[in-house]
């Protein structure tokens, strides 16, 4: 009997132990609880990321723009017909380059019949900062030239001009061209390409060197790329440089534009004259005794017949 009681007690203990180790059945979640858990988990993730991100990072402040001078575009798109290389064509520096002393000028120059050239560095008022005179063999295709300039200016910077001119065998200006630059007393040079400055600014339809004209008039038409908005003066000069006939062409801005004009003349026999197109720069307050305020001259010899 005692053995039966012990066996029964052991069986009851075993059943109690098994019952206590069983996994309880989970309580089902409410149907709208899952979205709540996802939202809470996302908020916790963002909060953790924000807590791990350092605060007070420096922000990048853009530098103020550097002021640049307002100048007209030096290299507009040229109309068809401007294909002749200039008798004086600049290779370097190009228009509105920033230069410091000393600096080099490179150009291809077709010397006039006098076989002498003049190269000037002008300040913004037209004063001569440096002048070079040299002999150069006449070659209609031009000869490469290199010039070195040194200068001193009182201000930190000012506008400047490189001007090269040639003369014919009678002392008349045969060609003249000007390159605008910015002169700096300190800083770093910034050289720009020459662009369209390698081409002649005058394109005359059908005109050749020593062309013949008759009946007392020289009729011209073509295109002009003006240096500025000032009038272009067209003249016939005799061998002494005296005007035979003069016309004034008013420019409409600085873009390329067509022109048509007639210069009357009177001669009793065939005479060689120089047809000249010239333009001045009114910003040059100092007038050169010989070149005045000229910034561009194109010329060609023609023959005037009765």
C-alpha atoms as a PDB file:
ATOM      1  CA  UNK A   1       0.000   0.000   0.000  1.00  0.00           C
ATOM      2  CA  UNK A   2       2.799   2.294   0.895  1.00  0.00           C
ATOM      3  CA  UNK A   3       4.486   1.530  -2.408  1.00  0.00           C
ATOM      4  CA  UNK A   4       1.365   2.547  -4.321  1.00  0.00           C
ATOM      5  CA  UNK A   5       1.186   5.864  -2.539  1.00  0.00           C
ATOM      6  CA  UNK A   6       4.812   6.647  -3.381  1.00  0.00           C
ATOM      7  CA  UNK A   7       4.251   5.806  -7.042  1.00  0.00           C
ATOM      8  CA  UNK A   8       1.194   8.024  -7.214  1.00  0.00           C
ATOM      9  CA  UNK A   9       3.050  10.934  -5.634  1.00  0.00           C
ATOM     10  CA  UNK A  10       5.897  10.581  -8.137  1.00  0.00           C
ATOM     11  CA  UNK A  11       3.465  10.587 -11.059  1.00  0.00           C
ATOM     12  CA  UNK A  12       1.751  13.747  -9.765  1.00  0.00           C
ATOM     13  CA  UNK A  13       5.145  15.501  -9.368  1.00  0.00           C
ATOM     14  CA  UNK A  14       6.165  14.592 -12.902  1.00  0.00           C
ATOM     15  CA  UNK A  15       2.904  15.939 -14.309  1.00  0.00           C
ATOM     16  CA  UNK A  16       3.359  19.218 -12.383  1.00  0.00           C
ATOM     17  CA  UNK A  17       6.885  19.640 -13.725  1.00  0.00           C
ATOM     18  CA  UNK A  18       5.770  19.079 -17.315  1.00  0.00           C
ATOM     19  CA  UNK A  19       2.944  21.534 -16.897  1.00  0.00           C
ATOM     20  CA  UNK A  20       5.272  24.318 -15.567  1.00  0.00           C
ATOM     21  CA  UNK A  21       7.766  23.931 -18.499  1.00  0.00           C
ATOM     22  CA  UNK A  22       5.142  24.228 -21.245  1.00  0.00           C
ATOM     23  CA  UNK A  23       5.259  27.459 -23.359  1.00  0.00           C
ATOM     24  CA  UNK A  24       2.225  29.628 -22.755  1.00  0.00           C
ATOM     25  CA  UNK A  25       0.029  30.478 -25.751  1.00  0.00           C
ATOM     26  CA  UNK A  26       0.711  34.128 -26.888  1.00  0.00           C
ATOM     27  CA  UNK A  27      -2.067  36.611 -26.602  1.00  0.00           C
ATOM     28  CA  UNK A  28      -3.185  37.690 -30.122  1.00  0.00           C
ATOM     29  CA  UNK A  29      -2.356  41.375 -31.051  1.00  0.00           C
ATOM     30  CA  UNK A  30      -5.118  43.805 -31.910  1.00  0.00           C
ATOM     31  CA  UNK A  31      -5.595  44.184 -35.726  1.00  0.00           C
ATOM     32  CA  UNK A  32      -4.348  47.832 -35.820  1.00  0.00           C
ATOM     33  CA  UNK A  33      -1.268  47.282 -33.649  1.00  0.00           C
ATOM     34  CA  UNK A  34       1.213  46.274 -36.413  1.00  0.00           C
ATOM     35  CA  UNK A  35       1.236  49.682 -38.218  1.00  0.00           C
ATOM     36  CA  UNK A  36       1.771  51.305 -34.858  1.00  0.00           C
ATOM     37  CA  UNK A  37       4.849  49.141 -34.238  1.00  0.00           C
ATOM     38  CA  UNK A  38       6.299  50.011 -37.690  1.00  0.00           C
ATOM     39  CA  UNK A  39       5.786  53.735 -37.112  1.00  0.00           C
ATOM     40  CA  UNK A  40       7.325  53.601 -33.662  1.00  0.00           C
ATOM     41  CA  UNK A  41      10.315  51.650 -34.983  1.00  0.00           C
ATOM     42  CA  UNK A  42      10.889  54.176 -37.830  1.00  0.00           C
ATOM     43  CA  UNK A  43      10.728  57.112 -35.419  1.00  0.00           C
ATOM     44  CA  UNK A  44      13.246  55.434 -33.189  1.00  0.00           C
ATOM     45  CA  UNK A  45      15.582  54.831 -36.124  1.00  0.00           C
ATOM     46  CA  UNK A  46      15.457  58.499 -37.226  1.00  0.00           C
ATOM     47  CA  UNK A  47      15.980  59.644 -33.644  1.00  0.00           C
ATOM     48  CA  UNK A  48      19.044  57.403 -33.348  1.00  0.00           C
ATOM     49  CA  UNK A  49      20.505  58.707 -36.605  1.00  0.00           C
ATOM     50  CA  UNK A  50      19.976  62.301 -35.519  1.00  0.00           C
ATOM     51  CA  UNK A  51      21.636  61.594 -32.204  1.00  0.00           C
ATOM     52  CA  UNK A  52      24.684  60.092 -33.966  1.00  0.00           C
ATOM     53  CA  UNK A  53      25.039  63.055 -36.432  1.00  0.00           C
ATOM     54  CA  UNK A  54      27.509  65.729 -35.202  1.00  0.00           C
ATOM     55  CA  UNK A  55      25.946  69.124 -34.709  1.00  0.00           C
ATOM     56  CA  UNK A  56      27.389  72.513 -35.584  1.00  0.00           C
ATOM     57  CA  UNK A  57      29.004  71.528 -38.938  1.00  0.00           C
ATOM     58  CA  UNK A  58      30.420  74.582 -40.813  1.00  0.00           C
ATOM     59  CA  UNK A  59      28.366  75.773 -43.772  1.00  0.00           C
ATOM     60  CA  UNK A  60      29.988  76.850 -47.054  1.00  0.00           C
ATOM     61  CA  UNK A  61      29.390  80.532 -47.772  1.00  0.00           C
ATOM     62  CA  UNK A  62      29.912  81.521 -51.451  1.00  0.00           C
ATOM     63  CA  UNK A  63      32.514  84.214 -52.078  1.00  0.00           C
ATOM     64  CA  UNK A  64      31.241  87.510 -53.474  1.00  0.00           C
ATOM     65  CA  UNK A  65      31.782  87.856 -57.257  1.00  0.00           C
ATOM     66  CA  UNK A  66      34.889  89.694 -58.381  1.00  0.00           C
ATOM     67  CA  UNK A  67      34.016  92.928 -60.130  1.00  0.00           C
ATOM     68  CA  UNK A  68      35.109  93.018 -63.782  1.00  0.00           C
ATOM     69  CA  UNK A  69      35.122  96.063 -66.014  1.00  0.00           C
ATOM     70  CA  UNK A  70      32.248  96.443 -68.450  1.00  0.00           C
ATOM     71  CA  UNK A  71      33.644  96.384 -71.964  1.00  0.00           C
ATOM     72  CA  UNK A  72      32.006  95.668 -75.302  1.00  0.00           C
ATOM     73  CA  UNK A  73      32.582  92.203 -76.671  1.00  0.00           C
ATOM     74  CA  UNK A  74      35.918  92.385 -78.508  1.00  0.00           C
ATOM     75  CA  UNK A  75      35.264  89.393 -80.748  1.00  0.00           C
ATOM     76  CA  UNK A  76      31.727  89.503 -82.184  1.00  0.00           C
ATOM     77  CA  UNK A  77      30.693  86.959 -84.784  1.00  0.00           C
ATOM     78  CA  UNK A  78      31.887  88.334 -88.086  1.00  0.00           C
ATOM     79  CA  UNK A  79      29.744  88.356 -91.211  1.00  0.00           C
ATOM     80  CA  UNK A  80      30.888  86.462 -94.290  1.00  0.00           C
ATOM     81  CA  UNK A  81      33.664  88.218 -96.166  1.00  0.00           C
ATOM     82  CA  UNK A  82      36.048  89.018 -93.292  1.00  0.00           C
ATOM     83  CA  UNK A  83      38.679  86.513 -94.332  1.00  0.00           C
ATOM     84  CA  UNK A  84      41.703  88.689 -95.155  1.00  0.00           C
ATOM     85  CA  UNK A  85      44.412  88.647 -92.503  1.00  0.00           C
ATOM     86  CA  UNK A  86      45.158  92.092 -91.132  1.00  0.00           C
ATOM     87  CA  UNK A  87      48.360  93.786 -92.284  1.00  0.00           C
ATOM     88  CA  UNK A  88      49.067  94.065 -88.551  1.00  0.00           C
ATOM     89  CA  UNK A  89      47.621  91.099 -86.717  1.00  0.00           C
ATOM     90  CA  UNK A  90      48.100  90.478 -83.012  1.00  0.00           C
ATOM     91  CA  UNK A  91      48.772  86.943 -81.822  1.00  0.00           C
ATOM     92  CA  UNK A  92      49.289  87.617 -78.099  1.00  0.00           C
ATOM     93  CA  UNK A  93      48.030  89.101 -75.861  1.00  0.00           C
ATOM     94  CA  UNK A  94      44.404  89.069 -76.999  1.00  0.00           C
ATOM     95  CA  UNK A  95      41.711  91.673 -76.302  1.00  0.00           C
ATOM     96  CA  UNK A  96      41.244  92.687 -72.645  1.00  0.00           C
ATOM     97  CA  UNK A  97      44.102  90.480 -71.424  1.00  0.00           C
ATOM     98  CA  UNK A  98      45.488  91.396 -68.001  1.00  0.00           C
ATOM     99  CA  UNK A  99      49.229  92.083 -68.162  1.00  0.00           C
ATOM    100  CA  UNK A 100      51.893  93.045 -65.649  1.00  0.00           C
ATOM    101  CA  UNK A 101      55.324  94.499 -66.315  1.00  0.00           C
ATOM    102  CA  UNK A 102      57.283  93.192 -68.151  1.00  0.00           C
ATOM    103  CA  UNK A 103      55.213  91.417 -70.820  1.00  0.00           C
ATOM    104  CA  UNK A 104      55.659  90.267 -74.412  1.00  0.00           C
ATOM    105  CA  UNK A 105      53.694  91.153 -77.531  1.00  0.00           C
ATOM    106  CA  UNK A 106      53.640  88.782 -80.491  1.00  0.00           C
ATOM    107  CA  UNK A 107      52.357  89.903 -83.876  1.00  0.00           C
ATOM    108  CA  UNK A 108      52.690  89.350 -87.604  1.00  0.00           C
ATOM    109  CA  UNK A 109      53.429  92.671 -89.288  1.00  0.00           C
ATOM    110  CA  UNK A 110      53.441  93.529 -92.979  1.00  0.00           C
ATOM    111  CA  UNK A 111      55.704  96.560 -92.927  1.00  0.00           C
ATOM    112  CA  UNK A 112      54.811  99.538 -95.082  1.00  0.00           C
ATOM    113  CA  UNK A 113      56.902 100.555 -98.061  1.00  0.00           C
ATOM    114  CA  UNK A 114      59.078 102.666 -95.746  1.00  0.00           C
ATOM    115  CA  UNK A 115      60.148  99.372 -94.089  1.00  0.00           C
ATOM    116  CA  UNK A 116      59.832 100.926 -90.656  1.00  0.00           C
ATOM    117  CA  UNK A 117      57.355 100.108 -87.902  1.00  0.00           C
ATOM    118  CA  UNK A 118      56.357 101.883 -84.713  1.00  0.00           C
ATOM    119  CA  UNK A 119      55.067 100.031 -81.651  1.00  0.00           C
ATOM    120  CA  UNK A 120      53.509 101.984 -78.764  1.00  0.00           C
ATOM    121  CA  UNK A 121      52.183 101.065 -75.340  1.00  0.00           C
ATOM    122  CA  UNK A 122      49.590 103.665 -74.382  1.00  0.00           C
ATOM    123  CA  UNK A 123      47.948 104.400 -71.037  1.00  0.00           C
ATOM    124  CA  UNK A 124      44.190 104.791 -70.766  1.00  0.00           C
ATOM    125  CA  UNK A 125      44.412 108.527 -71.508  1.00  0.00           C
ATOM    126  CA  UNK A 126      46.665 107.990 -74.514  1.00  0.00           C
ATOM    127  CA  UNK A 127      50.025 108.886 -72.935  1.00  0.00           C
ATOM    128  CA  UNK A 128      52.954 106.901 -74.332  1.00  0.00           C
ATOM    129  CA  UNK A 129      54.314 104.484 -71.714  1.00  0.00           C
ATOM    130  CA  UNK A 130      56.873 102.996 -74.090  1.00  0.00           C
ATOM    131  CA  UNK A 131      57.695 103.377 -77.794  1.00  0.00           C
ATOM    132  CA  UNK A 132      59.710 101.069 -80.043  1.00  0.00           C
ATOM    133  CA  UNK A 133      60.946 101.991 -83.535  1.00  0.00           C
ATOM    134  CA  UNK A 134      62.585  99.443 -85.778  1.00  0.00           C
ATOM    135  CA  UNK A 135      63.331  98.559 -89.375  1.00  0.00           C
ATOM    136  CA  UNK A 136      61.460  95.636 -90.935  1.00  0.00           C
ATOM    137  CA  UNK A 137      61.808  94.280 -94.458  1.00  0.00           C
ATOM    138  CA  UNK A 138      58.694  94.705 -96.570  1.00  0.00           C
ATOM    139  CA  UNK A 139      56.761  91.446 -96.979  1.00  0.00           C
ATOM    140  CA  UNK A 140      53.047  91.601 -97.944  1.00  0.00           C
ATOM    141  CA  UNK A 141      52.423  88.320 -96.096  1.00  0.00           C
ATOM    142  CA  UNK A 142      53.856  89.722 -92.877  1.00  0.00           C
ATOM    143  CA  UNK A 143      56.787  88.766 -90.663  1.00  0.00           C
ATOM    144  CA  UNK A 144      56.542  87.415 -87.110  1.00  0.00           C
ATOM    145  CA  UNK A 145      57.630  89.964 -84.512  1.00  0.00           C
ATOM    146  CA  UNK A 146      58.113  89.824 -80.745  1.00  0.00           C
ATOM    147  CA  UNK A 147      58.305  92.912 -78.546  1.00  0.00           C
ATOM    148  CA  UNK A 148      58.960  93.269 -74.802  1.00  0.00           C
ATOM    149  CA  UNK A 149      57.301  96.070 -72.848  1.00  0.00           C
ATOM    150  CA  UNK A 150      57.938  97.407 -69.358  1.00  0.00           C
ATOM    151  CA  UNK A 151      55.726 100.009 -67.738  1.00  0.00           C
ATOM    152  CA  UNK A 152      54.926 101.809 -64.499  1.00  0.00           C
ATOM    153  CA  UNK A 153      51.492 103.122 -63.556  1.00  0.00           C
ATOM    154  CA  UNK A 154      50.395 105.010 -60.459  1.00  0.00           C
ATOM    155  CA  UNK A 155      47.103 103.192 -59.981  1.00  0.00           C
ATOM    156  CA  UNK A 156      46.681  99.489 -59.238  1.00  0.00           C
ATOM    157  CA  UNK A 157      45.253  99.041 -62.734  1.00  0.00           C
ATOM    158  CA  UNK A 158      44.158 100.982 -65.787  1.00  0.00           C
ATOM    159  CA  UNK A 159      43.102 100.384 -69.362  1.00  0.00           C
ATOM    160  CA  UNK A 160      45.874 100.354 -71.928  1.00  0.00           C
ATOM    161  CA  UNK A 161      46.442  99.968 -75.662  1.00  0.00           C
ATOM    162  CA  UNK A 162      49.126  98.334 -77.770  1.00  0.00           C
ATOM    163  CA  UNK A 163      49.328 100.232 -81.059  1.00  0.00           C
ATOM    164  CA  UNK A 164      51.413  99.215 -84.074  1.00  0.00           C
ATOM    165  CA  UNK A 165      51.685 101.414 -87.170  1.00  0.00           C
ATOM    166  CA  UNK A 166      53.506 101.380 -90.508  1.00  0.00           C
ATOM    167  CA  UNK A 167      54.115 104.002 -93.211  1.00  0.00           C
ATOM    168  CA  UNK A 168      54.501 103.939 -96.968  1.00  0.00           C
ATOM    169  CA  UNK A 169      57.411 105.402 -98.942  1.00  0.00           C
ATOM    170  CA  UNK A 170      55.754 108.857 -98.944  1.00  0.00           C
ATOM    171  CA  UNK A 171      55.368 108.981 -95.144  1.00  0.00           C
ATOM    172  CA  UNK A 172      51.606 108.325 -95.152  1.00  0.00           C
ATOM    173  CA  UNK A 173      50.130 105.916 -92.589  1.00  0.00           C
ATOM    174  CA  UNK A 174      49.789 102.627 -94.446  1.00  0.00           C
ATOM    175  CA  UNK A 175      48.356 100.475 -91.654  1.00  0.00           C
ATOM    176  CA  UNK A 176      47.588 100.854 -87.957  1.00  0.00           C
ATOM    177  CA  UNK A 177      46.023  98.457 -85.492  1.00  0.00           C
ATOM    178  CA  UNK A 178      45.349  98.597 -81.753  1.00  0.00           C
ATOM    179  CA  UNK A 179      44.907  95.944 -79.083  1.00  0.00           C
ATOM    180  CA  UNK A 180      43.086  96.920 -75.837  1.00  0.00           C
ATOM    181  CA  UNK A 181      44.583  95.416 -72.662  1.00  0.00           C
ATOM    182  CA  UNK A 182      44.342  95.882 -68.896  1.00  0.00           C
ATOM    183  CA  UNK A 183      47.528  97.083 -67.203  1.00  0.00           C
ATOM    184  CA  UNK A 184      48.154  95.943 -63.613  1.00  0.00           C
ATOM    185  CA  UNK A 185      50.916  97.126 -61.299  1.00  0.00           C
ATOM    186  CA  UNK A 186      50.582  93.934 -59.196  1.00  0.00           C
ATOM    187  CA  UNK A 187      48.892  90.592 -59.647  1.00  0.00           C
ATOM    188  CA  UNK A 188      48.973  87.734 -62.107  1.00  0.00           C
ATOM    189  CA  UNK A 189      48.823  88.032 -65.871  1.00  0.00           C
ATOM    190  CA  UNK A 190      45.809  86.538 -67.656  1.00  0.00           C
ATOM    191  CA  UNK A 191      46.416  86.335 -71.393  1.00  0.00           C
ATOM    192  CA  UNK A 192      43.419  85.774 -73.669  1.00  0.00           C
ATOM    193  CA  UNK A 193      43.430  84.540 -77.277  1.00  0.00           C
ATOM    194  CA  UNK A 194      43.481  87.021 -80.145  1.00  0.00           C
ATOM    195  CA  UNK A 195      40.143  85.859 -81.580  1.00  0.00           C
ATOM    196  CA  UNK A 196      38.886  87.815 -84.602  1.00  0.00           C
ATOM    197  CA  UNK A 197      41.583  90.457 -84.178  1.00  0.00           C
ATOM    198  CA  UNK A 198      43.709  88.598 -86.727  1.00  0.00           C
ATOM    199  CA  UNK A 199      41.378  89.743 -89.544  1.00  0.00           C
ATOM    200  CA  UNK A 200      41.121  93.069 -91.324  1.00  0.00           C
ATOM    201  CA  UNK A 201      38.156  95.194 -90.219  1.00  0.00           C
ATOM    202  CA  UNK A 202      37.403  96.395 -93.744  1.00  0.00           C
ATOM    203  CA  UNK A 203      36.096  94.119 -96.519  1.00  0.00           C
ATOM    204  CA  UNK A 204      35.579  95.922 -99.850  1.00  0.00           C
ATOM    205  CA  UNK A 205      33.864  93.987-102.608  1.00  0.00           C
ATOM    206  CA  UNK A 206      36.021  93.494-105.705  1.00  0.00           C
ATOM    207  CA  UNK A 207      38.802  95.905-104.718  1.00  0.00           C
ATOM    208  CA  UNK A 208      42.391  94.945-105.547  1.00  0.00           C
ATOM    209  CA  UNK A 209      45.706  96.714-104.968  1.00  0.00           C
ATOM    210  CA  UNK A 210      46.312  99.495-107.553  1.00  0.00           C
ATOM    211  CA  UNK A 211      42.761  99.141-108.910  1.00  0.00           C
ATOM    212  CA  UNK A 212      41.855 101.608-111.691  1.00  0.00           C
ATOM    213  CA  UNK A 213      39.014 104.101-111.351  1.00  0.00           C
ATOM    214  CA  UNK A 214      37.571 106.338-114.068  1.00  0.00           C
ATOM    215  CA  UNK A 215      35.052 109.112-114.670  1.00  0.00           C
ATOM    216  CA  UNK A 216      35.932 111.091-111.591  1.00  0.00           C
ATOM    217  CA  UNK A 217      34.549 108.847-108.863  1.00  0.00           C
ATOM    218  CA  UNK A 218      35.559 105.926-106.669  1.00  0.00           C
ATOM    219  CA  UNK A 219      32.505 103.812-105.868  1.00  0.00           C
ATOM    220  CA  UNK A 220      32.864 101.440-102.930  1.00  0.00           C
ATOM    221  CA  UNK A 221      30.673  98.946-101.105  1.00  0.00           C
ATOM    222  CA  UNK A 222      31.444  96.261 -98.581  1.00  0.00           C
ATOM    223  CA  UNK A 223      31.368  95.620 -94.838  1.00  0.00           C
ATOM    224  CA  UNK A 224      32.960  97.206 -91.789  1.00  0.00           C
ATOM    225  CA  UNK A 225      33.666  95.756 -88.350  1.00  0.00           C
ATOM    226  CA  UNK A 226      34.154  99.038 -86.450  1.00  0.00           C
ATOM    227  CA  UNK A 227      36.589  99.315 -83.559  1.00  0.00           C
ATOM    228  CA  UNK A 228      34.044 101.448 -81.688  1.00  0.00           C
ATOM    229  CA  UNK A 229      30.867 103.400 -82.441  1.00  0.00           C
ATOM    230  CA  UNK A 230      32.714 106.457 -83.762  1.00  0.00           C
ATOM    231  CA  UNK A 231      32.458 107.464 -87.447  1.00  0.00           C
ATOM    232  CA  UNK A 232      34.802 105.836 -89.947  1.00  0.00           C
ATOM    233  CA  UNK A 233      36.549 108.378 -92.165  1.00  0.00           C
ATOM    234  CA  UNK A 234      37.179 107.346 -95.796  1.00  0.00           C
ATOM    235  CA  UNK A 235      39.702 109.429 -97.741  1.00  0.00           C
ATOM    236  CA  UNK A 236      41.669 109.593-100.965  1.00  0.00           C
ATOM    237  CA  UNK A 237      45.156 111.009-100.262  1.00  0.00           C
ATOM    238  CA  UNK A 238      47.662 112.254-102.814  1.00  0.00           C
ATOM    239  CA  UNK A 239      51.346 111.376-102.587  1.00  0.00           C
ATOM    240  CA  UNK A 240      51.905 114.265-100.170  1.00  0.00           C
ATOM    241  CA  UNK A 241      49.209 113.024 -97.805  1.00  0.00           C
ATOM    242  CA  UNK A 242      46.740 115.783 -98.687  1.00  0.00           C
ATOM    243  CA  UNK A 243      43.056 114.797 -98.964  1.00  0.00           C
ATOM    244  CA  UNK A 244      41.615 114.616-102.473  1.00  0.00           C
ATOM    245  CA  UNK A 245      38.182 113.512-101.315  1.00  0.00           C
ATOM    246  CA  UNK A 246      36.648 112.639 -97.925  1.00  0.00           C
ATOM    247  CA  UNK A 247      33.520 110.820 -96.750  1.00  0.00           C
ATOM    248  CA  UNK A 248      32.233 110.156 -93.225  1.00  0.00           C
ATOM    249  CA  UNK A 249      30.535 106.826 -92.507  1.00  0.00           C
ATOM    250  CA  UNK A 250      28.437 106.868 -89.321  1.00  0.00           C
ATOM    251  CA  UNK A 251      28.499 103.585 -87.444  1.00  0.00           C
ATOM    252  CA  UNK A 252      25.469 101.887 -85.914  1.00  0.00           C
ATOM    253  CA  UNK A 253      27.080 100.302 -82.856  1.00  0.00           C
ATOM    254  CA  UNK A 254      30.103  97.987 -82.971  1.00  0.00           C
ATOM    255  CA  UNK A 255      28.627  95.040 -84.875  1.00  0.00           C
ATOM    256  CA  UNK A 256      29.659  94.344 -88.454  1.00  0.00           C
ATOM    257  CA  UNK A 257      27.620  96.415 -90.910  1.00  0.00           C
ATOM    258  CA  UNK A 258      27.464  97.089 -94.643  1.00  0.00           C
ATOM    259  CA  UNK A 259      28.518 100.358 -96.235  1.00  0.00           C
ATOM    260  CA  UNK A 260      28.288 102.029 -99.632  1.00  0.00           C
ATOM    261  CA  UNK A 261      29.877 105.323-100.615  1.00  0.00           C
ATOM    262  CA  UNK A 262      31.338 107.295-103.513  1.00  0.00           C
ATOM    263  CA  UNK A 263      34.384 109.564-103.405  1.00  0.00           C
ATOM    264  CA  UNK A 264      34.559 112.146-106.242  1.00  0.00           C
ATOM    265  CA  UNK A 265      37.922 113.239-107.618  1.00  0.00           C
ATOM    266  CA  UNK A 266      39.382 115.395-110.384  1.00  0.00           C
ATOM    267  CA  UNK A 267      42.666 114.569-112.150  1.00  0.00           C
ATOM    268  CA  UNK A 268      44.133 115.577-115.535  1.00  0.00           C
ATOM    269  CA  UNK A 269      46.276 112.445-115.841  1.00  0.00           C
ATOM    270  CA  UNK A 270      46.584 109.025-114.234  1.00  0.00           C
ATOM    271  CA  UNK A 271      47.608 109.457-110.604  1.00  0.00           C
ATOM    272  CA  UNK A 272      48.347 107.021-107.819  1.00  0.00           C
ATOM    273  CA  UNK A 273      46.457 107.774-104.597  1.00  0.00           C
ATOM    274  CA  UNK A 274      46.012 106.027-101.276  1.00  0.00           C
ATOM    275  CA  UNK A 275      42.491 105.011-100.249  1.00  0.00           C
ATOM    276  CA  UNK A 276      42.318 105.166 -96.451  1.00  0.00           C
ATOM    277  CA  UNK A 277      39.760 103.999 -93.872  1.00  0.00           C
ATOM    278  CA  UNK A 278      40.478 105.300 -90.374  1.00  0.00           C
ATOM    279  CA  UNK A 279      38.800 105.418 -86.980  1.00  0.00           C
ATOM    280  CA  UNK A 280      39.677 107.240 -83.759  1.00  0.00           C
ATOM    281  CA  UNK A 281      39.201 106.519 -80.058  1.00  0.00           C
ATOM    282  CA  UNK A 282      37.672 109.521 -78.214  1.00  0.00           C
ATOM    283  CA  UNK A 283      38.738 108.020 -74.856  1.00  0.00           C
ATOM    284  CA  UNK A 284      42.341 108.942 -75.636  1.00  0.00           C
ATOM    285  CA  UNK A 285      42.615 112.432 -74.140  1.00  0.00           C
ATOM    286  CA  UNK A 286      46.315 112.720 -74.969  1.00  0.00           C
ATOM    287  CA  UNK A 287      46.694 113.227 -78.707  1.00  0.00           C
ATOM    288  CA  UNK A 288      49.833 111.953 -80.393  1.00  0.00           C
ATOM    289  CA  UNK A 289      51.474 114.668 -82.490  1.00  0.00           C
ATOM    290  CA  UNK A 290      51.602 112.388 -85.540  1.00  0.00           C
ATOM    291  CA  UNK A 291      49.066 109.594 -84.987  1.00  0.00           C
ATOM    292  CA  UNK A 292      46.438 111.641 -83.181  1.00  0.00           C
ATOM    293  CA  UNK A 293      43.866 109.388 -81.511  1.00  0.00           C
ATOM    294  CA  UNK A 294      43.920 106.768 -84.260  1.00  0.00           C
ATOM    295  CA  UNK A 295      43.086 103.204 -83.276  1.00  0.00           C
ATOM    296  CA  UNK A 296      42.659 101.644 -86.729  1.00  0.00           C
ATOM    297  CA  UNK A 297      43.809 102.421 -90.282  1.00  0.00           C
ATOM    298  CA  UNK A 298      43.341 100.312 -93.393  1.00  0.00           C
ATOM    299  CA  UNK A 299      44.680 101.563 -96.713  1.00  0.00           C
ATOM    300  CA  UNK A 300      45.309 100.439-100.268  1.00  0.00           C
ATOM    301  CA  UNK A 301      46.810 102.119-103.321  1.00  0.00           C
ATOM    302  CA  UNK A 302      44.484 102.892-106.224  1.00  0.00           C
ATOM    303  CA  UNK A 303      44.970 104.574-109.605  1.00  0.00           C
ATOM    304  CA  UNK A 304      42.789 107.561-110.469  1.00  0.00           C
ATOM    305  CA  UNK A 305      42.209 108.112-114.174  1.00  0.00           C
ATOM    306  CA  UNK A 306      40.507 111.064-115.934  1.00  0.00           C
END
